[in-house]
Amino acid sequence: MPLLDIRDLKVHYGGIAAVKGISFAVDEGELVCLLGANGAGKTTTLKAIARMIPAHGEMLYRGERLDRLPSHALIGRGLALVPEGRGVFARLSVAENLAMGAYHRDDHEIAADRDRIYDLLPRLKERERQLAGTLSGGEQQMLAIGRALMGRPRLLLLDEPSMGLAPLMVQKVFEVVRSVAAQGVTILLVEQNAKLALEVCGRGYVMESGKITLADSAANLLADSRVRAAYLGE
């Protein structure tokens, strides 16, 4: 059984169909990307899975119907979203932002998890007391990922983690994505940088105008002439 199973997902904004009946699945331990141009429906798909917007269709997570749950119930079930634009709490410190990621937990391992995140993201340890709003864009992206990891997710939804970052910071963020996946967290990655996404992922889906038009291994998508022409500038 897939960890995440999306069946005939539809999302409308008023009279506009943003997602037009897509179906896809993500297995436990996979790193899967969802590619496409601006307006293809990628972010809308993640928001629907995270129950941030109304949607139609079946969304199964660990066999449970997501579409019957409120968004606040998902983090406790092991599903976390790192939204586009990072969304850190600008007036809270780095440490306070990480603590917010564990708001639903009452166990005794929160401090140990925070220390593990500092090991994974040492820049956050250096800026532990600094207000999140004063961090660079790349540091805020790392903080958003760290905050999500404080919830101990089994499935992490990552929305455009490279957006607006300098090339060197993009490479660092993708190194973090690899490390998180290597620790056993399943990741569904939405990303416009198709080359980087396909280099780190095992499989991918391509969305165009609200529909999935291609689905294959990352290696095959990288070699596909349609993908190369549309997303790799070749």
C-alpha atoms as a PDB file:
ATOM      1  CA  MET A   1       0.000   0.000   0.000  1.00  0.00           C
ATOM      2  CA  PRO A   2       1.448   3.426  -0.908  1.00  0.00           C
ATOM      3  CA  LEU A   3       2.155   5.856   1.905  1.00  0.00           C
ATOM      4  CA  LEU A   4       0.323   8.545  -0.099  1.00  0.00           C
ATOM      5  CA  ASP A   5      -2.301   7.616  -2.679  1.00  0.00           C
ATOM      6  CA  ILE A   6      -4.008  10.426  -4.603  1.00  0.00           C
ATOM      7  CA  ARG A   7      -7.005   9.452  -6.714  1.00  0.00           C
ATOM      8  CA  ASP A   8      -8.807  11.740  -9.160  1.00  0.00           C
ATOM      9  CA  LEU A   9      -7.885  14.932  -7.300  1.00  0.00           C
ATOM     10  CA  LYS A  10      -9.719  18.032  -8.496  1.00  0.00           C
ATOM     11  CA  VAL A  11      -9.353  21.609  -7.256  1.00  0.00           C
ATOM     12  CA  HIS A  12     -11.280  24.646  -8.487  1.00  0.00           C
ATOM     13  CA  TYR A  13     -10.771  28.330  -7.820  1.00  0.00           C
ATOM     14  CA  GLY A  14     -14.214  29.663  -8.570  1.00  0.00           C
ATOM     15  CA  GLY A  15     -14.953  28.583 -12.114  1.00  0.00           C
ATOM     16  CA  ILE A  16     -11.316  27.796 -12.916  1.00  0.00           C
ATOM     17  CA  ALA A  17     -10.125  24.182 -12.749  1.00  0.00           C
ATOM     18  CA  ALA A  18      -6.608  24.327 -11.281  1.00  0.00           C
ATOM     19  CA  VAL A  19      -6.170  20.557 -10.838  1.00  0.00           C
ATOM     20  CA  LYS A  20      -8.086  18.355 -13.248  1.00  0.00           C
ATOM     21  CA  GLY A  21      -8.490  14.864 -11.844  1.00  0.00           C
ATOM     22  CA  ILE A  22      -4.899  13.752 -11.222  1.00  0.00           C
ATOM     23  CA  SER A  23      -3.869  10.445  -9.672  1.00  0.00           C
ATOM     24  CA  PHE A  24      -0.451   9.465  -8.328  1.00  0.00           C
ATOM     25  CA  ALA A  25       1.179   7.617  -5.452  1.00  0.00           C
ATOM     26  CA  VAL A  26       4.269   7.874  -3.248  1.00  0.00           C
ATOM     27  CA  ASP A  27       5.663   4.801  -1.498  1.00  0.00           C
ATOM     28  CA  GLU A  28       7.293   4.737   1.923  1.00  0.00           C
ATOM     29  CA  GLY A  29      10.911   5.897   1.734  1.00  0.00           C
ATOM     30  CA  GLU A  30      10.662   7.443  -1.726  1.00  0.00           C
ATOM     31  CA  LEU A  31      11.811  10.867  -2.842  1.00  0.00           C
ATOM     32  CA  VAL A  32       9.400  11.885  -5.614  1.00  0.00           C
ATOM     33  CA  CYS A  33       9.205  15.184  -7.474  1.00  0.00           C
ATOM     34  CA  LEU A  34       6.304  16.994  -9.080  1.00  0.00           C
ATOM     35  CA  LEU A  35       7.548  19.185 -11.918  1.00  0.00           C
ATOM     36  CA  GLY A  36       5.935  21.817 -14.084  1.00  0.00           C
ATOM     37  CA  ALA A  37       5.869  25.454 -15.076  1.00  0.00           C
ATOM     38  CA  ASN A  38       4.251  28.253 -13.084  1.00  0.00           C
ATOM     39  CA  GLY A  39       0.490  27.752 -12.955  1.00  0.00           C
ATOM     40  CA  ALA A  40       0.648  24.025 -13.692  1.00  0.00           C
ATOM     41  CA  GLY A  41      -1.107  23.166 -10.416  1.00  0.00           C
ATOM     42  CA  LYS A  42       1.834  21.880  -8.379  1.00  0.00           C
ATOM     43  CA  THR A  43       1.479  24.112  -5.318  1.00  0.00           C
ATOM     44  CA  THR A  44      -2.290  23.728  -5.433  1.00  0.00           C
ATOM     45  CA  THR A  45      -1.816  19.956  -5.287  1.00  0.00           C
ATOM     46  CA  LEU A  46       0.344  20.199  -2.155  1.00  0.00           C
ATOM     47  CA  LYS A  47      -2.101  22.597  -0.510  1.00  0.00           C
ATOM     48  CA  ALA A  48      -4.936  20.176  -1.233  1.00  0.00           C
ATOM     49  CA  ILE A  49      -3.007  17.271   0.303  1.00  0.00           C
ATOM     50  CA  ALA A  50      -2.254  19.409   3.362  1.00  0.00           C
ATOM     51  CA  ARG A  51      -5.983  20.266   3.607  1.00  0.00           C
ATOM     52  CA  MET A  52      -5.322  23.986   3.234  1.00  0.00           C
ATOM     53  CA  ILE A  53      -7.831  24.369   0.390  1.00  0.00           C
ATOM     54  CA  PRO A  54     -11.028  22.524  -0.583  1.00  0.00           C
ATOM     55  CA  ALA A  55     -10.596  19.647  -3.018  1.00  0.00           C
ATOM     56  CA  HIS A  56     -12.493  16.707  -4.477  1.00  0.00           C
ATOM     57  CA  GLY A  57     -11.307  13.154  -4.913  1.00  0.00           C
ATOM     58  CA  GLU A  58      -9.708  10.596  -2.608  1.00  0.00           C
ATOM     59  CA  MET A  59      -6.477  11.359  -0.766  1.00  0.00           C
ATOM     60  CA  LEU A  60      -5.224   8.403   1.246  1.00  0.00           C
ATOM     61  CA  TYR A  61      -2.325   8.654   3.681  1.00  0.00           C
ATOM     62  CA  ARG A  62      -1.329   5.399   5.387  1.00  0.00           C
ATOM     63  CA  GLY A  63      -4.717   4.131   4.239  1.00  0.00           C
ATOM     64  CA  GLU A  64      -6.642   6.946   5.983  1.00  0.00           C
ATOM     65  CA  ARG A  65      -8.771   9.451   4.084  1.00  0.00           C
ATOM     66  CA  LEU A  66      -7.007  12.815   4.309  1.00  0.00           C
ATOM     67  CA  ASP A  67      -9.976  14.529   2.718  1.00  0.00           C
ATOM     68  CA  ARG A  68     -11.984  13.777   5.877  1.00  0.00           C
ATOM     69  CA  LEU A  69      -9.469  15.381   8.241  1.00  0.00           C
ATOM     70  CA  PRO A  70      -8.851  19.014   9.210  1.00  0.00           C
ATOM     71  CA  SER A  71      -5.414  20.397   8.410  1.00  0.00           C
ATOM     72  CA  HIS A  72      -4.356  20.708  12.054  1.00  0.00           C
ATOM     73  CA  ALA A  73      -4.778  16.947  12.541  1.00  0.00           C
ATOM     74  CA  LEU A  74      -2.168  16.037   9.924  1.00  0.00           C
ATOM     75  CA  ILE A  75       1.042  16.933  11.745  1.00  0.00           C
ATOM     76  CA  GLY A  76       0.196  14.515  14.547  1.00  0.00           C
ATOM     77  CA  ARG A  77      -0.216  11.779  11.937  1.00  0.00           C
ATOM     78  CA  GLY A  78       3.230  12.428  10.517  1.00  0.00           C
ATOM     79  CA  LEU A  79       2.502  14.644   7.512  1.00  0.00           C
ATOM     80  CA  ALA A  80       4.178  18.051   7.289  1.00  0.00           C
ATOM     81  CA  LEU A  81       4.289  20.802   4.660  1.00  0.00           C
ATOM     82  CA  VAL A  82       7.135  23.259   4.080  1.00  0.00           C
ATOM     83  CA  PRO A  83       5.257  25.919   2.111  1.00  0.00           C
ATOM     84  CA  GLU A  84       6.415  28.003  -0.801  1.00  0.00           C
ATOM     85  CA  GLY A  85       7.951  31.205   0.557  1.00  0.00           C
ATOM     86  CA  ARG A  86       9.130  29.410   3.718  1.00  0.00           C
ATOM     87  CA  GLY A  87       6.617  30.984   6.126  1.00  0.00           C
ATOM     88  CA  VAL A  88       8.834  31.222   9.198  1.00  0.00           C
ATOM     89  CA  PHE A  89       7.656  33.146  12.252  1.00  0.00           C
ATOM     90  CA  ALA A  90       9.672  36.313  11.617  1.00  0.00           C
ATOM     91  CA  ARG A  91       9.432  37.746  15.139  1.00  0.00           C
ATOM     92  CA  LEU A  92      10.409  34.518  16.873  1.00  0.00           C
ATOM     93  CA  SER A  93      13.959  33.265  17.266  1.00  0.00           C
ATOM     94  CA  VAL A  94      15.357  30.277  15.440  1.00  0.00           C
ATOM     95  CA  ALA A  95      14.988  28.166  18.585  1.00  0.00           C
ATOM     96  CA  GLU A  96      11.393  29.330  19.087  1.00  0.00           C
ATOM     97  CA  ASN A  97      10.532  28.497  15.478  1.00  0.00           C
ATOM     98  CA  LEU A  98      11.873  24.978  15.962  1.00  0.00           C
ATOM     99  CA  ALA A  99       9.887  24.641  19.179  1.00  0.00           C
ATOM    100  CA  MET A 100       6.730  25.565  17.261  1.00  0.00           C
ATOM    101  CA  GLY A 101       7.348  22.589  14.999  1.00  0.00           C
ATOM    102  CA  ALA A 102       6.912  20.310  18.005  1.00  0.00           C
ATOM    103  CA  TYR A 103       3.867  22.053  19.436  1.00  0.00           C
ATOM    104  CA  HIS A 104       1.759  18.892  19.273  1.00  0.00           C
ATOM    105  CA  ARG A 105       4.314  16.691  21.048  1.00  0.00           C
ATOM    106  CA  ASP A 106       4.512  15.960  24.757  1.00  0.00           C
ATOM    107  CA  ASP A 107       7.352  13.422  24.766  1.00  0.00           C
ATOM    108  CA  HIS A 108      10.798  13.782  26.312  1.00  0.00           C
ATOM    109  CA  GLU A 109      12.813  13.657  23.064  1.00  0.00           C
ATOM    110  CA  ILE A 110      12.103  17.152  21.740  1.00  0.00           C
ATOM    111  CA  ALA A 111      15.444  18.559  22.894  1.00  0.00           C
ATOM    112  CA  ALA A 112      17.299  15.600  21.377  1.00  0.00           C
ATOM    113  CA  ASP A 113      15.488  16.110  18.075  1.00  0.00           C
ATOM    114  CA  ARG A 114      16.396  19.806  18.125  1.00  0.00           C
ATOM    115  CA  ASP A 115      20.048  18.892  18.639  1.00  0.00           C
ATOM    116  CA  ARG A 116      19.882  16.459  15.708  1.00  0.00           C
ATOM    117  CA  ILE A 117      18.488  19.231  13.521  1.00  0.00           C
ATOM    118  CA  TYR A 118      21.335  21.508  14.633  1.00  0.00           C
ATOM    119  CA  ASP A 119      23.749  18.751  13.578  1.00  0.00           C
ATOM    120  CA  LEU A 120      22.009  18.516  10.199  1.00  0.00           C
ATOM    121  CA  LEU A 121      21.724  22.301   9.831  1.00  0.00           C
ATOM    122  CA  PRO A 122      24.659  23.819  11.765  1.00  0.00           C
ATOM    123  CA  ARG A 123      23.876  27.313  10.464  1.00  0.00           C
ATOM    124  CA  LEU A 124      20.735  27.235  12.614  1.00  0.00           C
ATOM    125  CA  LYS A 125      22.760  26.427  15.725  1.00  0.00           C
ATOM    126  CA  GLU A 126      24.990  29.440  15.024  1.00  0.00           C
ATOM    127  CA  ARG A 127      21.886  31.643  14.829  1.00  0.00           C
ATOM    128  CA  GLU A 128      19.843  29.960  17.540  1.00  0.00           C
ATOM    129  CA  ARG A 129      18.908  33.226  19.292  1.00  0.00           C
ATOM    130  CA  GLN A 130      18.538  35.325  16.153  1.00  0.00           C
ATOM    131  CA  LEU A 131      15.094  36.448  14.981  1.00  0.00           C
ATOM    132  CA  ALA A 132      13.975  34.381  12.012  1.00  0.00           C
ATOM    133  CA  GLY A 133      13.004  37.476  10.038  1.00  0.00           C
ATOM    134  CA  THR A 134      16.629  38.641  10.006  1.00  0.00           C
ATOM    135  CA  LEU A 135      17.975  35.435   8.424  1.00  0.00           C
ATOM    136  CA  SER A 136      18.919  35.181   4.770  1.00  0.00           C
ATOM    137  CA  GLY A 137      16.497  33.492   2.390  1.00  0.00           C
ATOM    138  CA  GLY A 138      18.511  30.279   2.402  1.00  0.00           C
ATOM    139  CA  GLU A 139      18.729  30.234   6.182  1.00  0.00           C
ATOM    140  CA  GLN A 140      14.975  30.750   6.425  1.00  0.00           C
ATOM    141  CA  GLN A 141      14.465  27.816   4.051  1.00  0.00           C
ATOM    142  CA  MET A 142      16.629  25.633   6.248  1.00  0.00           C
ATOM    143  CA  LEU A 143      14.721  26.805   9.306  1.00  0.00           C
ATOM    144  CA  ALA A 144      11.386  25.971   7.653  1.00  0.00           C
ATOM    145  CA  ILE A 145      12.651  22.459   6.895  1.00  0.00           C
ATOM    146  CA  GLY A 146      14.026  22.086  10.422  1.00  0.00           C
ATOM    147  CA  ARG A 147      10.745  23.258  11.939  1.00  0.00           C
ATOM    148  CA  ALA A 148       8.842  20.656   9.910  1.00  0.00           C
ATOM    149  CA  LEU A 149      11.279  17.922  10.978  1.00  0.00           C
ATOM    150  CA  MET A 150      10.598  18.756  14.626  1.00  0.00           C
ATOM    151  CA  GLY A 151       7.185  17.191  14.070  1.00  0.00           C
ATOM    152  CA  ARG A 152       8.851  13.866  13.189  1.00  0.00           C
ATOM    153  CA  PRO A 153       7.113  13.540   9.820  1.00  0.00           C
ATOM    154  CA  ARG A 154       6.911  10.313   7.870  1.00  0.00           C
ATOM    155  CA  LEU A 155       5.909  12.315   4.800  1.00  0.00           C
ATOM    156  CA  LEU A 156       7.366  15.750   4.077  1.00  0.00           C
ATOM    157  CA  LEU A 157       5.794  17.954   1.412  1.00  0.00           C
ATOM    158  CA  LEU A 158       8.371  20.441   0.108  1.00  0.00           C
ATOM    159  CA  ASP A 159       7.119  23.326  -2.023  1.00  0.00           C
ATOM    160  CA  GLU A 160       9.717  25.119  -4.184  1.00  0.00           C
ATOM    161  CA  PRO A 161      12.621  25.009  -1.698  1.00  0.00           C
ATOM    162  CA  SER A 162      15.037  26.622  -4.190  1.00  0.00           C
ATOM    163  CA  MET A 163      12.825  29.589  -5.055  1.00  0.00           C
ATOM    164  CA  GLY A 164      14.605  32.941  -4.810  1.00  0.00           C
ATOM    165  CA  LEU A 165      17.897  31.509  -3.536  1.00  0.00           C
ATOM    166  CA  ALA A 166      21.414  32.097  -4.809  1.00  0.00           C
ATOM    167  CA  PRO A 167      22.928  29.107  -6.652  1.00  0.00           C
ATOM    168  CA  LEU A 168      25.304  28.182  -3.825  1.00  0.00           C
ATOM    169  CA  MET A 169      22.458  28.183  -1.302  1.00  0.00           C
ATOM    170  CA  VAL A 170      20.291  26.122  -3.670  1.00  0.00           C
ATOM    171  CA  GLN A 171      22.978  23.429  -3.661  1.00  0.00           C
ATOM    172  CA  LYS A 172      23.097  23.483   0.141  1.00  0.00           C
ATOM    173  CA  VAL A 173      19.314  23.190   0.427  1.00  0.00           C
ATOM    174  CA  PHE A 174      19.298  20.208  -1.912  1.00  0.00           C
ATOM    175  CA  GLU A 175      22.078  18.585   0.124  1.00  0.00           C
ATOM    176  CA  VAL A 176      19.751  18.899   3.106  1.00  0.00           C
ATOM    177  CA  VAL A 177      16.910  17.330   1.114  1.00  0.00           C
ATOM    178  CA  ARG A 178      19.166  14.364   0.292  1.00  0.00           C
ATOM    179  CA  SER A 179      20.175  14.013   3.938  1.00  0.00           C
ATOM    180  CA  VAL A 180      16.586  14.095   5.177  1.00  0.00           C
ATOM    181  CA  ALA A 181      15.577  11.443   2.636  1.00  0.00           C
ATOM    182  CA  ALA A 182      18.557   9.303   3.649  1.00  0.00           C
ATOM    183  CA  GLN A 183      17.228   9.350   7.221  1.00  0.00           C
ATOM    184  CA  GLY A 184      14.079   7.596   6.016  1.00  0.00           C
ATOM    185  CA  VAL A 185      11.668  10.508   5.613  1.00  0.00           C
ATOM    186  CA  THR A 186       9.454  10.161   2.544  1.00  0.00           C
ATOM    187  CA  ILE A 187       9.477  13.366   0.471  1.00  0.00           C
ATOM    188  CA  LEU A 188       7.157  14.762  -2.183  1.00  0.00           C
ATOM    189  CA  LEU A 189       9.040  17.664  -3.747  1.00  0.00           C
ATOM    190  CA  VAL A 190       7.509  20.407  -5.883  1.00  0.00           C
ATOM    191  CA  GLU A 191      10.247  22.191  -7.779  1.00  0.00           C
ATOM    192  CA  GLN A 192      10.747  24.317 -10.887  1.00  0.00           C
ATOM    193  CA  ASN A 193      14.453  23.495 -11.091  1.00  0.00           C
ATOM    194  CA  ALA A 194      13.818  20.264 -12.951  1.00  0.00           C
ATOM    195  CA  LYS A 195      17.454  19.254 -13.335  1.00  0.00           C
ATOM    196  CA  LEU A 196      18.247  19.460  -9.630  1.00  0.00           C
ATOM    197  CA  ALA A 197      14.979  17.808  -8.655  1.00  0.00           C
ATOM    198  CA  LEU A 198      15.484  14.879 -11.006  1.00  0.00           C
ATOM    199  CA  GLU A 199      19.072  14.463  -9.833  1.00  0.00           C
ATOM    200  CA  VAL A 200      17.980  13.905  -6.224  1.00  0.00           C
ATOM    201  CA  CYS A 201      14.672  12.092  -6.764  1.00  0.00           C
ATOM    202  CA  GLY A 202      13.995   8.514  -7.745  1.00  0.00           C
ATOM    203  CA  ARG A 203      10.785   9.195  -9.664  1.00  0.00           C
ATOM    204  CA  GLY A 204       8.917  12.166 -11.019  1.00  0.00           C
ATOM    205  CA  TYR A 205       5.611  13.403 -12.360  1.00  0.00           C
ATOM    206  CA  VAL A 206       5.223  16.278 -14.805  1.00  0.00           C
ATOM    207  CA  MET A 207       2.174  18.536 -14.527  1.00  0.00           C
ATOM    208  CA  GLU A 208       0.845  20.753 -17.296  1.00  0.00           C
ATOM    209  CA  SER A 209      -2.321  22.853 -17.011  1.00  0.00           C
ATOM    210  CA  GLY A 210      -3.640  20.905 -14.047  1.00  0.00           C
ATOM    211  CA  LYS A 211      -2.970  17.428 -15.451  1.00  0.00           C
ATOM    212  CA  ILE A 212      -0.180  14.900 -15.071  1.00  0.00           C
ATOM    213  CA  THR A 213       1.253  14.404 -18.542  1.00  0.00           C
ATOM    214  CA  LEU A 214       4.362  12.324 -17.790  1.00  0.00           C
ATOM    215  CA  ALA A 215       5.333   9.859 -15.053  1.00  0.00           C
ATOM    216  CA  ASP A 216       8.587   7.911 -15.009  1.00  0.00           C
ATOM    217  CA  SER A 217      11.850   7.295 -13.221  1.00  0.00           C
ATOM    218  CA  ALA A 218      13.966  10.382 -12.692  1.00  0.00           C
ATOM    219  CA  ALA A 219      16.639   9.003 -15.007  1.00  0.00           C
ATOM    220  CA  ASN A 220      14.150   8.476 -17.824  1.00  0.00           C
ATOM    221  CA  LEU A 221      12.626  11.918 -17.357  1.00  0.00           C
ATOM    222  CA  LEU A 222      16.082  13.503 -17.460  1.00  0.00           C
ATOM    223  CA  ALA A 223      16.684  11.762 -20.770  1.00  0.00           C
ATOM    224  CA  ASP A 224      13.238  12.547 -22.216  1.00  0.00           C
ATOM    225  CA  SER A 225      13.464  15.022 -25.079  1.00  0.00           C
ATOM    226  CA  ARG A 226      10.152  16.657 -24.093  1.00  0.00           C
ATOM    227  CA  VAL A 227      11.372  17.307 -20.554  1.00  0.00           C
ATOM    228  CA  ARG A 228      14.741  18.534 -21.790  1.00  0.00           C
ATOM    229  CA  ALA A 229      13.105  20.946 -24.219  1.00  0.00           C
ATOM    230  CA  ALA A 230      10.455  22.259 -21.832  1.00  0.00           C
ATOM    231  CA  TYR A 231      12.311  22.368 -18.502  1.00  0.00           C
ATOM    232  CA  LEU A 232      16.057  22.066 -19.113  1.00  0.00           C
ATOM    233  CA  GLY A 233      16.344  24.667 -21.854  1.00  0.00           C
ATOM    234  CA  GLU A 234      17.630  22.234 -24.469  1.00  0.00           C
END
